[in-house]
Amino acid sequence: MRYFPVALERLTEQFAKLPGIGGKTAQRLAFHLLTVPQDEAQEFADAIMQAKKTVHLCPVCQNLTDRDICPICDDDTRDRGVICVVAEAKDVIAMERAREFPGVYHVLHGVISPLNHIGPDELCIKELLQRVAQGNVREVIMATNPDTEGEATAMYISRLLKPMEVRVTRLAYGIPVGSQLEYADEVTLLRALEGRREL
């Protein structure tokens, strides 16, 4: 026996496909959309379609953009000799919030994950190698997450870059600011010790 209209169930199913959205949240979002005025619902649908039509990958760094080249690659003040490699476009936003990195980025659009059937060929690694092969790159910073897939991806790419005689570094990981040593796990403490620097 069906409790809700087919269209409402379809809408709920579509929301449930989004990452981080469970069944109950999907249902709540679907019900909410039914309560908004028609013009607001249309604006929501138009925003999705507009983003799908206009947003594409930057041909240089593979970041998301609606221009020919993304604003970071187009910025003449950025140091093109240092490339920070991140897994996702949202990681660029996180790095840019710090306002400390003067270089450019390269977005892989994922990490190597055999369990999810994602191999190196599904990522934008080839484009990174082409950028480095063109010369003028002094350093590649691997800024993938410090989990198993992120580490494996960083190691894989660093092996590919080694013959190109470019310096490959990894972001230092350790104890977050404001936390206490007693709550840090062994791996975090080890990383903090390895990434220590002179004061």
Foldseek 3Di string as FASTA:
>chain_A
DDDDDPVLVVQLVVQCPDPPAHSVNSNVVSVVLVPDDPVVNVVVVVVVVVCVVQWFAALQAGAIDRDVHHPLVVDPQAQAQEEEEEAHNVVVVVVVVVVPHRHYYHYFPHFDDVVVPDHSVNTCLVSVVVSVLVDSHAEYEQEYDPDPRSVVRLVVSCVVCVVSNHHYHYDQAADDPPDDPVPDDPVRHVSCVVPDDDD
